[in-house]
C-alpha atoms as a PDB file:
ATOM      1  CA  MET A   1     138.117  81.182 130.629  1.00  0.00           C
ATOM      2  CA  ILE A   2     139.158  83.783 128.060  1.00  0.00           C
ATOM      3  CA  CYS A   3     137.134  84.208 124.916  1.00  0.00           C
ATOM      4  CA  ASP A   4     139.091  84.683 121.668  1.00  0.00           C
ATOM      5  CA  MET A   5     136.122  85.943 119.676  1.00  0.00           C
ATOM      6  CA  PRO A   6     136.809  89.337 118.037  1.00  0.00           C
ATOM      7  CA  ARG A   7     134.888  92.313 119.305  1.00  0.00           C
ATOM      8  CA  ARG A   8     132.269  93.748 116.982  1.00  0.00           C
ATOM      9  CA  ASN A   9     133.604  97.287 116.882  1.00  0.00           C
ATOM     10  CA  PRO A  10     137.228  97.236 118.123  1.00  0.00           C
ATOM     11  CA  GLY A  11     138.880 100.592 118.676  1.00  0.00           C
ATOM     12  CA  ARG A  12     135.912 102.567 117.388  1.00  0.00           C
ATOM     13  CA  GLU A  13     133.446 104.752 119.156  1.00  0.00           C
ATOM     14  CA  ARG A  14     129.871 103.722 119.597  1.00  0.00           C
ATOM     15  CA  PRO A  15     127.736 104.518 116.544  1.00  0.00           C
ATOM     16  CA  GLN A  16     125.306 107.399 116.931  1.00  0.00           C
ATOM     17  CA  ARG A  17     121.692 106.602 117.593  1.00  0.00           C
ATOM     18  CA  ARG A  18     119.205 106.899 114.722  1.00  0.00           C
ATOM     19  CA  LYS A  19     117.256 109.514 116.623  1.00  0.00           C
ATOM     20  CA  GLU A  20     120.284 111.783 116.671  1.00  0.00           C
ATOM     21  CA  LEU A  21     121.035 111.217 112.990  1.00  0.00           C
ATOM     22  CA  PHE A  22     117.585 112.302 111.873  1.00  0.00           C
ATOM     23  CA  HIS A  23     117.100 115.347 114.055  1.00  0.00           C
ATOM     24  CA  ALA A  24     118.267 118.397 112.107  1.00  0.00           C
ATOM     25  CA  ASP A  25     118.223 117.321 108.476  1.00  0.00           C
ATOM     26  CA  ALA A  26     115.259 114.912 108.416  1.00  0.00           C
ATOM     27  CA  PHE A  27     112.169 113.786 110.289  1.00  0.00           C
ATOM     28  CA  ARG A  28     110.335 110.502 110.730  1.00  0.00           C
ATOM     29  CA  CYS A  29     106.824 110.419 109.272  1.00  0.00           C
ATOM     30  CA  VAL A  30     104.097 109.771 111.854  1.00  0.00           C
ATOM     31  CA  GLY A  31     102.042 107.976 109.189  1.00  0.00           C
ATOM     32  CA  CYS A  32     104.301 105.532 107.351  1.00  0.00           C
ATOM     33  CA  ARG A  33     107.470 105.899 109.524  1.00  0.00           C
ATOM     34  CA  LEU A  34     109.639 106.878 106.509  1.00  0.00           C
ATOM     35  CA  ASP A  35     112.746 108.958 107.249  1.00  0.00           C
ATOM     36  CA  VAL A  36     112.066 112.140 105.248  1.00  0.00           C
ATOM     37  CA  PRO A  37     114.806 114.642 104.316  1.00  0.00           C
ATOM     38  CA  MET A  38     114.015 118.277 105.104  1.00  0.00           C
ATOM     39  CA  LEU A  39     115.212 119.434 101.688  1.00  0.00           C
ATOM     40  CA  ALA A  40     112.548 119.086  99.033  1.00  0.00           C
ATOM     41  CA  PRO A  41     112.401 120.193  95.409  1.00  0.00           C
ATOM     42  CA  GLY A  42     109.868 122.968  94.896  1.00  0.00           C
ATOM     43  CA  THR A  43     109.423 124.111  98.494  1.00  0.00           C
ATOM     44  CA  ALA A  44     111.530 125.778 101.164  1.00  0.00           C
ATOM     45  CA  HIS A  45     109.616 124.414 104.174  1.00  0.00           C
ATOM     46  CA  ARG A  46     108.852 120.719 103.909  1.00  0.00           C
ATOM     47  CA  ASN A  47     106.368 119.621 106.516  1.00  0.00           C
ATOM     48  CA  HIS A  48     104.722 116.559 104.995  1.00  0.00           C
ATOM     49  CA  CYS A  49     105.811 113.093 103.980  1.00  0.00           C
ATOM     50  CA  PRO A  50     106.306 112.665 100.217  1.00  0.00           C
ATOM     51  CA  ASN A  51     105.158 109.036 100.465  1.00  0.00           C
ATOM     52  CA  CYS A  52     101.841 109.171 102.369  1.00  0.00           C
ATOM     53  CA  LEU A  53     101.387 112.998 102.504  1.00  0.00           C
ATOM     54  CA  THR A  54     100.863 112.957 106.298  1.00  0.00           C
ATOM     55  CA  SER A  55     102.043 116.008 108.232  1.00  0.00           C
ATOM     56  CA  LEU A  56     102.254 117.406 111.750  1.00  0.00           C
ATOM     57  CA  HIS A  57     100.591 120.606 112.903  1.00  0.00           C
ATOM     58  CA  VAL A  58     103.814 122.615 113.299  1.00  0.00           C
ATOM     59  CA  ASP A  59     103.242 125.962 111.545  1.00  0.00           C
ATOM     60  CA  HIS A  60     100.988 128.606 113.079  1.00  0.00           C
ATOM     61  CA  ARG A  61     100.327 131.222 110.403  1.00  0.00           C
ATOM     62  CA  ILE A  62     103.427 131.553 108.236  1.00  0.00           C
ATOM     63  CA  PRO A  63     104.932 128.521 106.446  1.00  0.00           C
ATOM     64  CA  GLY A  64     108.115 127.535 108.245  1.00  0.00           C
ATOM     65  CA  ASP A  65     107.416 129.460 111.476  1.00  0.00           C
ATOM     66  CA  ARG A  66     107.075 126.184 113.474  1.00  0.00           C
ATOM     67  CA  ARG A  67     105.093 128.063 116.153  1.00  0.00           C
ATOM     68  CA  ALA A  68     101.954 125.913 116.403  1.00  0.00           C
ATOM     69  CA  GLU A  69     101.408 124.518 119.875  1.00  0.00           C
ATOM     70  CA  CYS A  70      99.101 121.685 118.793  1.00  0.00           C
ATOM     71  CA  ARG A  71     101.666 119.330 117.151  1.00  0.00           C
ATOM     72  CA  GLY A  72      98.790 117.027 116.155  1.00  0.00           C
ATOM     73  CA  ARG A  73      98.780 114.622 113.230  1.00  0.00           C
ATOM     74  CA  MET A  74      97.489 116.142 109.997  1.00  0.00           C
ATOM     75  CA  THR A  75      96.001 113.989 107.259  1.00  0.00           C
ATOM     76  CA  ALA A  76      95.745 114.964 103.618  1.00  0.00           C
ATOM     77  CA  LEU A  77      92.102 115.877 103.070  1.00  0.00           C
ATOM     78  CA  SER A  78      92.062 117.232  99.525  1.00  0.00           C
ATOM     79  CA  VAL A  79      93.996 119.220  96.965  1.00  0.00           C
ATOM     80  CA  SER A  80      93.528 122.708  95.635  1.00  0.00           C
ATOM     81  CA  VAL A  81      94.980 124.336  92.542  1.00  0.00           C
ATOM     82  CA  ARG A  82      96.106 127.967  92.415  1.00  0.00           C
ATOM     83  CA  GLY A  83      95.457 130.166  89.416  1.00  0.00           C
ATOM     84  CA  ASP A  84      99.010 129.626  88.205  1.00  0.00           C
ATOM     85  CA  GLY A  85      98.513 125.830  88.221  1.00  0.00           C
ATOM     86  CA  GLU A  86     100.411 125.084  91.445  1.00  0.00           C
ATOM     87  CA  TRP A  87      98.895 122.306  93.559  1.00  0.00           C
ATOM     88  CA  LEU A  88      98.349 122.593  97.311  1.00  0.00           C
ATOM     89  CA  ILE A  89      97.568 119.806  99.750  1.00  0.00           C
ATOM     90  CA  ILE A  90      94.787 120.644 102.203  1.00  0.00           C
ATOM     91  CA  HIS A  91      95.596 119.051 105.556  1.00  0.00           C
ATOM     92  CA  SER A  92      93.189 118.557 108.444  1.00  0.00           C
ATOM     93  CA  CYS A  93      94.519 118.331 112.011  1.00  0.00           C
ATOM     94  CA  GLN A  94      93.212 115.265 113.843  1.00  0.00           C
ATOM     95  CA  SER A  95      93.724 116.958 117.239  1.00  0.00           C
ATOM     96  CA  CYS A  96      92.352 120.494 116.905  1.00  0.00           C
ATOM     97  CA  GLY A  97      90.466 120.326 113.584  1.00  0.00           C
ATOM     98  CA  GLY A  98      92.558 123.086 112.002  1.00  0.00           C
ATOM     99  CA  LEU A  99      93.063 123.255 108.254  1.00  0.00           C
ATOM    100  CA  SER A 100      96.189 124.259 106.361  1.00  0.00           C
ATOM    101  CA  ALA A 101      97.278 124.455 102.737  1.00  0.00           C
ATOM    102  CA  ASN A 102     100.771 123.204 101.887  1.00  0.00           C
ATOM    103  CA  ARG A 103     102.571 123.400  98.558  1.00  0.00           C
ATOM    104  CA  ILE A 104     103.338 120.053  97.007  1.00  0.00           C
ATOM    105  CA  ALA A 105     106.983 119.131  96.635  1.00  0.00           C
ATOM    106  CA  GLY A 106     108.612 117.781  93.494  1.00  0.00           C
ATOM    107  CA  ASP A 107     109.150 114.353  95.055  1.00  0.00           C
ATOM    108  CA  ASP A 108     105.605 113.881  96.404  1.00  0.00           C
ATOM    109  CA  ASN A 109     103.923 110.589  95.517  1.00  0.00           C
ATOM    110  CA  ALA A 110     101.969 111.404  92.331  1.00  0.00           C
ATOM    111  CA  LEU A 111      99.598 108.452  92.817  1.00  0.00           C
ATOM    112  CA  ALA A 112      98.712 109.601  96.358  1.00  0.00           C
ATOM    113  CA  LEU A 113      98.046 113.135  95.064  1.00  0.00           C
ATOM    114  CA  LEU A 114      95.790 111.836  92.292  1.00  0.00           C
ATOM    115  CA  ARG A 115      93.868 109.627  94.713  1.00  0.00           C
ATOM    116  CA  ILE A 116      93.080 112.660  96.831  1.00  0.00           C
ATOM    117  CA  ALA A 117      92.155 114.739  93.771  1.00  0.00           C
ATOM    118  CA  MET A 118      89.773 112.000  92.554  1.00  0.00           C
ATOM    119  CA  ARG A 119      87.881 111.624  95.848  1.00  0.00           C
ATOM    120  CA  PRO A 120      85.054 113.992  94.844  1.00  0.00           C
ATOM    121  CA  LEU A 121      84.476 111.976  91.670  1.00  0.00           C
ATOM    122  CA  SER A 122      84.101 108.761  93.649  1.00  0.00           C
ATOM    123  CA  ASP A 123      81.590 110.261  96.088  1.00  0.00           C
ATOM    124  CA  THR A 124      78.224 108.646  95.301  1.00  0.00           C
ATOM    125  CA  ARG A 125      76.327 111.534  96.910  1.00  0.00           C
ATOM    126  CA  LEU A 126      77.451 113.845  94.092  1.00  0.00           C
ATOM    127  CA  PRO A 127      75.619 113.167  90.826  1.00  0.00           C
ATOM    128  CA  VAL A 128      77.855 112.796  87.760  1.00  0.00           C
ATOM    129  CA  SER A 129      75.526 115.089  85.804  1.00  0.00           C
ATOM    130  CA  ALA A 130      76.412 117.952  88.184  1.00  0.00           C
ATOM    131  CA  LEU A 131      80.097 117.432  87.457  1.00  0.00           C
ATOM    132  CA  LEU A 132      79.552 117.294  83.719  1.00  0.00           C
ATOM    133  CA  ALA A 133      77.632 120.574  83.861  1.00  0.00           C
ATOM    134  CA  LEU A 134      80.741 122.319  85.133  1.00  0.00           C
END
């Protein structure tokens, strides 16, 4: 018996796999699984997710060198502010314990950044009077 149903993709090649589409110009976040473009406003070497701020341990010493052998998952631990007012995300590697400072990008989730910045204020071990004395 011959089926008269039309084929789904007649005369066309097979579509590329998602893995191939997001190899050179984007990466998939290991935290929230978002497809993240490599281009980011405010930084030349994006290595963290703008949504959840999770990263991978890819750089060894120089931003963008991609020479780290660990490749472990890095979680956003805290933020730091340079003298010129630029914010940095402090990441901690869950595999080797290494720390790194990464510039924030212009499209990073502002609420996630503020949550990290406010963590010391929510720590009950730190008395509020000590903070006010600063």
